[in-house]
Amino acid sequence: MSVQIDTNPPDRPPYFFIKLMLALGPTSLMLIALVQWFPNTGLGRILTIPLTYLLNLVVILLAFMIAQKLGRRSTRIVWIVAIAITLAITVKLYPQEYQPPVTQQIWDRLNGRAEPES
């Protein structure tokens, strides 16, 4: 007597994967913008971009778990906070080779203290 185990998963759309990619979207867009606006990264970008994605993935997975435990009303707040945290991590970890950190450069430009380089 042999028992057969069905190894084929049920046909379900990959909603979790789609949600995960959508949640990583702001991180990707921010990194693209940072690469365009602050290109002087040296070799630091090779290490910090994967680290940024890893940390942001952890934040997003925690947000998934928290949103699952809370009610529908609270999930919007959880996602707003999670996206804000991922964007802050993205900007904070972005390296600069010989200029001040990106956060300081942005702050200086907003206050009119520094002219953007051409």
N, C-alpha and C. Protein backbone atom coordinates (compact mmCIF):
# COMPACT_ATOMS: atom_id res chain seq x y z
N MET A 1 0.85 -1.17 0.00
CA MET A 1 0.00 0.00 0.00
C MET A 1 0.90 1.24 0.00
N SER A 2 0.74 2.07 -1.00
CA SER A 2 1.56 3.28 -1.08
C SER A 2 0.68 4.52 -0.94
N VAL A 3 1.27 5.49 -0.34
CA VAL A 3 0.58 6.76 -0.14
C VAL A 3 1.20 7.78 -1.07
N GLN A 4 0.36 8.45 -1.84
CA GLN A 4 0.86 9.48 -2.74
C GLN A 4 0.64 10.85 -2.12
N ILE A 5 1.67 11.65 -2.18
CA ILE A 5 1.60 13.01 -1.64
C ILE A 5 1.59 13.97 -2.82
N ASP A 6 0.62 14.86 -2.81
CA ASP A 6 0.52 15.86 -3.88
C ASP A 6 1.54 16.96 -3.60
N THR A 7 2.55 17.03 -4.45
CA THR A 7 3.60 18.04 -4.26
C THR A 7 3.32 19.32 -5.03
N ASN A 8 2.27 19.34 -5.82
CA ASN A 8 1.93 20.56 -6.56
C ASN A 8 1.10 21.48 -5.68
N PRO A 9 1.54 22.73 -5.52
CA PRO A 9 0.76 23.65 -4.70
C PRO A 9 -0.55 24.01 -5.41
N PRO A 10 -1.55 24.43 -4.65
CA PRO A 10 -2.81 24.82 -5.28
C PRO A 10 -2.60 26.07 -6.16
N ASP A 11 -3.44 26.22 -7.14
CA ASP A 11 -3.34 27.35 -8.05
C ASP A 11 -3.91 28.59 -7.37
N ARG A 12 -3.03 29.32 -6.73
CA ARG A 12 -3.41 30.57 -6.07
C ARG A 12 -2.54 31.69 -6.62
N PRO A 13 -3.11 32.85 -6.81
CA PRO A 13 -2.28 33.97 -7.26
C PRO A 13 -1.25 34.32 -6.18
N PRO A 14 -0.10 34.77 -6.59
CA PRO A 14 0.96 35.09 -5.62
C PRO A 14 0.76 36.46 -4.99
N TYR A 15 -0.32 36.61 -4.22
CA TYR A 15 -0.64 37.92 -3.64
C TYR A 15 0.44 38.42 -2.70
N PHE A 16 1.00 37.53 -1.90
CA PHE A 16 2.02 37.96 -0.96
C PHE A 16 3.23 38.52 -1.69
N PHE A 17 3.66 37.86 -2.75
CA PHE A 17 4.81 38.32 -3.52
C PHE A 17 4.52 39.67 -4.18
N ILE A 18 3.31 39.83 -4.70
CA ILE A 18 2.93 41.10 -5.33
C ILE A 18 2.92 42.21 -4.28
N LYS A 19 2.36 41.94 -3.11
CA LYS A 19 2.34 42.95 -2.04
C LYS A 19 3.76 43.29 -1.59
N LEU A 20 4.61 42.29 -1.52
CA LEU A 20 5.98 42.52 -1.11
C LEU A 20 6.71 43.40 -2.12
N MET A 21 6.53 43.14 -3.39
CA MET A 21 7.17 43.96 -4.43
C MET A 21 6.63 45.39 -4.41
N LEU A 22 5.33 45.55 -4.19
CA LEU A 22 4.75 46.89 -4.09
C LEU A 22 5.29 47.63 -2.87
N ALA A 23 5.49 46.91 -1.78
CA ALA A 23 6.02 47.55 -0.57
C ALA A 23 7.49 47.94 -0.75
N LEU A 24 8.23 47.22 -1.57
CA LEU A 24 9.62 47.56 -1.84
C LEU A 24 9.75 48.63 -2.93
N GLY A 25 8.66 48.98 -3.57
CA GLY A 25 8.67 49.99 -4.64
C GLY A 25 9.22 51.34 -4.21
N PRO A 26 8.74 51.91 -3.10
CA PRO A 26 9.29 53.20 -2.67
C PRO A 26 10.79 53.15 -2.39
N THR A 27 11.28 52.05 -1.87
CA THR A 27 12.72 51.91 -1.64
C THR A 27 13.47 51.95 -2.96
N SER A 28 12.98 51.22 -3.95
CA SER A 28 13.64 51.19 -5.25
C SER A 28 13.62 52.56 -5.91
N LEU A 29 12.48 53.24 -5.85
CA LEU A 29 12.39 54.57 -6.44
C LEU A 29 13.31 55.56 -5.74
N MET A 30 13.39 55.47 -4.43
CA MET A 30 14.27 56.35 -3.68
C MET A 30 15.73 56.08 -4.02
N LEU A 31 16.11 54.81 -4.15
CA LEU A 31 17.48 54.49 -4.51
C LEU A 31 17.82 55.00 -5.92
N ILE A 32 16.89 54.88 -6.84
CA ILE A 32 17.12 55.40 -8.19
C ILE A 32 17.34 56.91 -8.14
N ALA A 33 16.50 57.60 -7.38
CA ALA A 33 16.64 59.06 -7.25
C ALA A 33 17.96 59.42 -6.59
N LEU A 34 18.34 58.70 -5.55
CA LEU A 34 19.61 58.99 -4.86
C LEU A 34 20.81 58.75 -5.76
N VAL A 35 20.76 57.70 -6.56
CA VAL A 35 21.87 57.43 -7.48
C VAL A 35 21.98 58.56 -8.49
N GLN A 36 20.86 59.09 -8.95
CA GLN A 36 20.88 60.18 -9.93
C GLN A 36 21.36 61.49 -9.31
N TRP A 37 20.88 61.81 -8.12
CA TRP A 37 21.16 63.11 -7.50
C TRP A 37 22.46 63.15 -6.70
N PHE A 38 22.88 62.01 -6.17
CA PHE A 38 24.09 61.94 -5.35
C PHE A 38 24.97 60.80 -5.85
N PRO A 39 25.66 61.00 -6.98
CA PRO A 39 26.39 59.88 -7.58
C PRO A 39 27.75 59.57 -6.95
N ASN A 40 28.27 60.40 -6.07
CA ASN A 40 29.62 60.23 -5.53
C ASN A 40 29.64 59.24 -4.37
N THR A 41 29.46 57.97 -4.69
CA THR A 41 29.35 56.97 -3.63
C THR A 41 30.59 56.11 -3.47
N GLY A 42 31.41 56.05 -4.48
CA GLY A 42 32.55 55.15 -4.40
C GLY A 42 32.09 53.71 -4.37
N LEU A 43 32.86 52.86 -3.71
CA LEU A 43 32.50 51.45 -3.62
C LEU A 43 31.48 51.15 -2.52
N GLY A 44 31.16 52.15 -1.72
CA GLY A 44 30.20 51.94 -0.64
C GLY A 44 28.84 51.50 -1.13
N ARG A 45 28.48 51.92 -2.34
CA ARG A 45 27.16 51.56 -2.88
C ARG A 45 27.04 50.06 -3.08
N ILE A 46 28.14 49.39 -3.37
CA ILE A 46 28.10 47.94 -3.59
C ILE A 46 27.63 47.21 -2.32
N LEU A 47 28.02 47.72 -1.17
CA LEU A 47 27.61 47.10 0.09
C LEU A 47 26.29 47.62 0.62
N THR A 48 26.06 48.92 0.47
CA THR A 48 24.90 49.50 1.15
C THR A 48 23.57 49.25 0.44
N ILE A 49 23.56 49.08 -0.87
CA ILE A 49 22.28 48.84 -1.55
C ILE A 49 21.71 47.47 -1.17
N PRO A 50 22.48 46.39 -1.19
CA PRO A 50 21.90 45.12 -0.70
C PRO A 50 21.52 45.18 0.78
N LEU A 51 22.34 45.85 1.59
CA LEU A 51 22.01 46.00 3.01
C LEU A 51 20.71 46.79 3.19
N THR A 52 20.53 47.82 2.39
CA THR A 52 19.30 48.61 2.44
C THR A 52 18.09 47.75 2.12
N TYR A 53 18.18 46.96 1.05
CA TYR A 53 17.07 46.08 0.71
C TYR A 53 16.81 45.05 1.80
N LEU A 54 17.85 44.51 2.39
CA LEU A 54 17.68 43.51 3.45
C LEU A 54 16.97 44.11 4.66
N LEU A 55 17.44 45.26 5.12
CA LEU A 55 16.81 45.90 6.28
C LEU A 55 15.37 46.31 5.99
N ASN A 56 15.14 46.85 4.79
CA ASN A 56 13.78 47.24 4.44
C ASN A 56 12.86 46.05 4.29
N LEU A 57 13.41 44.92 3.83
CA LEU A 57 12.62 43.70 3.75
C LEU A 57 12.20 43.24 5.14
N VAL A 58 13.09 43.35 6.10
CA VAL A 58 12.76 42.99 7.49
C VAL A 58 11.65 43.90 8.02
N VAL A 59 11.76 45.21 7.76
CA VAL A 59 10.72 46.14 8.21
C VAL A 59 9.38 45.81 7.56
N ILE A 60 9.40 45.50 6.28
CA ILE A 60 8.15 45.19 5.57
C ILE A 60 7.54 43.88 6.06
N LEU A 61 8.37 42.87 6.31
CA LEU A 61 7.84 41.61 6.84
C LEU A 61 7.25 41.80 8.24
N LEU A 62 7.90 42.64 9.05
CA LEU A 62 7.32 42.96 10.37
C LEU A 62 6.00 43.69 10.21
N ALA A 63 5.92 44.57 9.23
CA ALA A 63 4.66 45.29 8.99
C ALA A 63 3.57 44.32 8.55
N PHE A 64 3.91 43.33 7.73
CA PHE A 64 2.94 42.30 7.35
C PHE A 64 2.40 41.58 8.58
N MET A 65 3.32 41.19 9.48
CA MET A 65 2.90 40.46 10.68
C MET A 65 2.04 41.33 11.59
N ILE A 66 2.44 42.59 11.77
CA ILE A 66 1.66 43.49 12.64
C ILE A 66 0.30 43.77 12.02
N ALA A 67 0.26 44.02 10.71
CA ALA A 67 -1.00 44.32 10.04
C ALA A 67 -1.95 43.13 10.09
N GLN A 68 -1.41 41.92 10.08
CA GLN A 68 -2.23 40.73 10.15
C GLN A 68 -2.89 40.59 11.51
N LYS A 69 -2.17 41.00 12.56
CA LYS A 69 -2.71 40.88 13.91
C LYS A 69 -3.71 41.99 14.25
N LEU A 70 -3.52 43.16 13.66
CA LEU A 70 -4.41 44.28 13.93
C LEU A 70 -5.62 44.24 13.01
N GLY A 71 -6.57 45.06 13.33
CA GLY A 71 -7.77 45.13 12.50
C GLY A 71 -7.51 45.88 11.20
N ARG A 72 -8.53 45.92 10.35
CA ARG A 72 -8.41 46.58 9.05
C ARG A 72 -8.15 48.08 9.17
N ARG A 73 -8.69 48.70 10.18
CA ARG A 73 -8.51 50.15 10.34
C ARG A 73 -7.06 50.53 10.64
N SER A 74 -6.40 49.72 11.40
CA SER A 74 -5.04 50.04 11.83
C SER A 74 -3.99 49.71 10.78
N THR A 75 -4.33 48.90 9.78
CA THR A 75 -3.33 48.49 8.82
C THR A 75 -2.82 49.67 7.98
N ARG A 76 -3.68 50.62 7.71
CA ARG A 76 -3.23 51.78 6.93
C ARG A 76 -2.14 52.54 7.69
N ILE A 77 -2.32 52.72 8.97
CA ILE A 77 -1.32 53.42 9.79
C ILE A 77 -0.02 52.61 9.83
N VAL A 78 -0.15 51.30 9.97
CA VAL A 78 1.04 50.42 9.99
C VAL A 78 1.82 50.58 8.70
N TRP A 79 1.15 50.60 7.56
CA TRP A 79 1.85 50.70 6.28
C TRP A 79 2.44 52.08 6.05
N ILE A 80 1.76 53.13 6.50
CA ILE A 80 2.33 54.47 6.37
C ILE A 80 3.61 54.57 7.19
N VAL A 81 3.59 54.06 8.41
CA VAL A 81 4.78 54.09 9.26
C VAL A 81 5.88 53.20 8.66
N ALA A 82 5.52 52.03 8.18
CA ALA A 82 6.52 51.12 7.60
C ALA A 82 7.19 51.73 6.37
N ILE A 83 6.42 52.34 5.50
CA ILE A 83 6.99 52.96 4.29
C ILE A 83 7.88 54.14 4.69
N ALA A 84 7.44 54.92 5.67
CA ALA A 84 8.27 56.05 6.14
C ALA A 84 9.59 55.54 6.72
N ILE A 85 9.54 54.46 7.48
CA ILE A 85 10.77 53.89 8.04
C ILE A 85 11.68 53.37 6.94
N THR A 86 11.12 52.69 5.93
CA THR A 86 11.96 52.18 4.85
C THR A 86 12.62 53.32 4.06
N LEU A 87 11.89 54.40 3.85
CA LEU A 87 12.48 55.54 3.14
C LEU A 87 13.58 56.19 3.98
N ALA A 88 13.36 56.29 5.28
CA ALA A 88 14.39 56.85 6.16
C ALA A 88 15.64 55.97 6.17
N ILE A 89 15.46 54.66 6.22
CA ILE A 89 16.60 53.74 6.17
C ILE A 89 17.35 53.90 4.85
N THR A 90 16.61 54.02 3.76
CA THR A 90 17.22 54.14 2.44
C THR A 90 18.09 55.39 2.35
N VAL A 91 17.56 56.52 2.83
CA VAL A 91 18.33 57.76 2.75
C VAL A 91 19.50 57.74 3.73
N LYS A 92 19.29 57.23 4.92
CA LYS A 92 20.33 57.23 5.95
C LYS A 92 21.52 56.34 5.58
N LEU A 93 21.25 55.20 4.94
CA LEU A 93 22.32 54.27 4.61
C LEU A 93 23.04 54.62 3.31
N TYR A 94 22.52 55.55 2.53
CA TYR A 94 23.13 55.86 1.24
C TYR A 94 24.49 56.53 1.47
N PRO A 95 25.56 55.99 0.90
CA PRO A 95 26.90 56.49 1.19
C PRO A 95 27.29 57.69 0.32
N GLN A 96 28.24 58.44 0.81
CA GLN A 96 28.88 59.50 0.05
C GLN A 96 30.37 59.36 0.26
N GLU A 97 31.14 59.45 -0.82
CA GLU A 97 32.57 59.20 -0.74
C GLU A 97 33.31 60.35 -0.07
N TYR A 98 33.13 61.55 -0.54
CA TYR A 98 33.92 62.67 -0.01
C TYR A 98 33.06 63.88 0.36
N GLN A 99 31.77 63.78 0.26
CA GLN A 99 30.89 64.87 0.66
C GLN A 99 30.19 64.49 1.96
N PRO A 100 29.50 65.46 2.59
CA PRO A 100 28.75 65.12 3.81
C PRO A 100 27.66 64.08 3.51
N PRO A 101 27.12 63.48 4.53
CA PRO A 101 26.03 62.51 4.32
C PRO A 101 24.86 63.13 3.56
N VAL A 102 24.11 62.29 2.89
CA VAL A 102 23.00 62.74 2.06
C VAL A 102 21.99 63.52 2.89
N THR A 103 21.71 63.07 4.11
CA THR A 103 20.73 63.77 4.94
C THR A 103 21.17 65.21 5.21
N GLN A 104 22.45 65.40 5.47
CA GLN A 104 22.97 66.75 5.72
C GLN A 104 22.92 67.59 4.44
N GLN A 105 23.24 67.00 3.30
CA GLN A 105 23.18 67.73 2.04
C GLN A 105 21.75 68.17 1.71
N ILE A 106 20.79 67.29 1.93
CA ILE A 106 19.38 67.63 1.68
C ILE A 106 18.94 68.73 2.62
N TRP A 107 19.28 68.60 3.89
CA TRP A 107 18.91 69.62 4.88
C TRP A 107 19.51 70.98 4.52
N ASP A 108 20.77 70.98 4.12
CA ASP A 108 21.42 72.24 3.74
C ASP A 108 20.75 72.85 2.52
N ARG A 109 20.40 72.04 1.54
CA ARG A 109 19.74 72.56 0.34
C ARG A 109 18.35 73.10 0.66
N LEU A 110 17.64 72.43 1.55
CA LEU A 110 16.31 72.92 1.93
C LEU A 110 16.38 74.25 2.66
N ASN A 111 17.44 74.45 3.42
CA ASN A 111 17.62 75.70 4.15
C ASN A 111 18.36 76.76 3.35
N GLY A 112 18.71 76.45 2.12
CA GLY A 112 19.37 77.43 1.26
C GLY A 112 20.83 77.66 1.58
N ARG A 113 21.46 76.75 2.29
CA ARG A 113 22.86 76.90 2.68
C ARG A 113 23.83 76.41 1.63
N ALA A 114 23.42 75.53 0.76
CA ALA A 114 24.34 74.97 -0.22
C ALA A 114 23.68 74.98 -1.59
N GLU A 115 24.49 75.22 -2.58
CA GLU A 115 24.01 75.17 -3.96
C GLU A 115 24.22 73.76 -4.50
N PRO A 116 23.24 73.24 -5.23
CA PRO A 116 23.46 71.92 -5.82
C PRO A 116 24.54 71.96 -6.88
N GLU A 117 25.33 70.88 -6.96
CA GLU A 117 26.42 70.83 -7.93
C GLU A 117 25.84 70.52 -9.30
N SER A 118 26.49 71.05 -10.35
CA SER A 118 26.01 70.81 -11.72
C SER A 118 26.75 69.65 -12.32
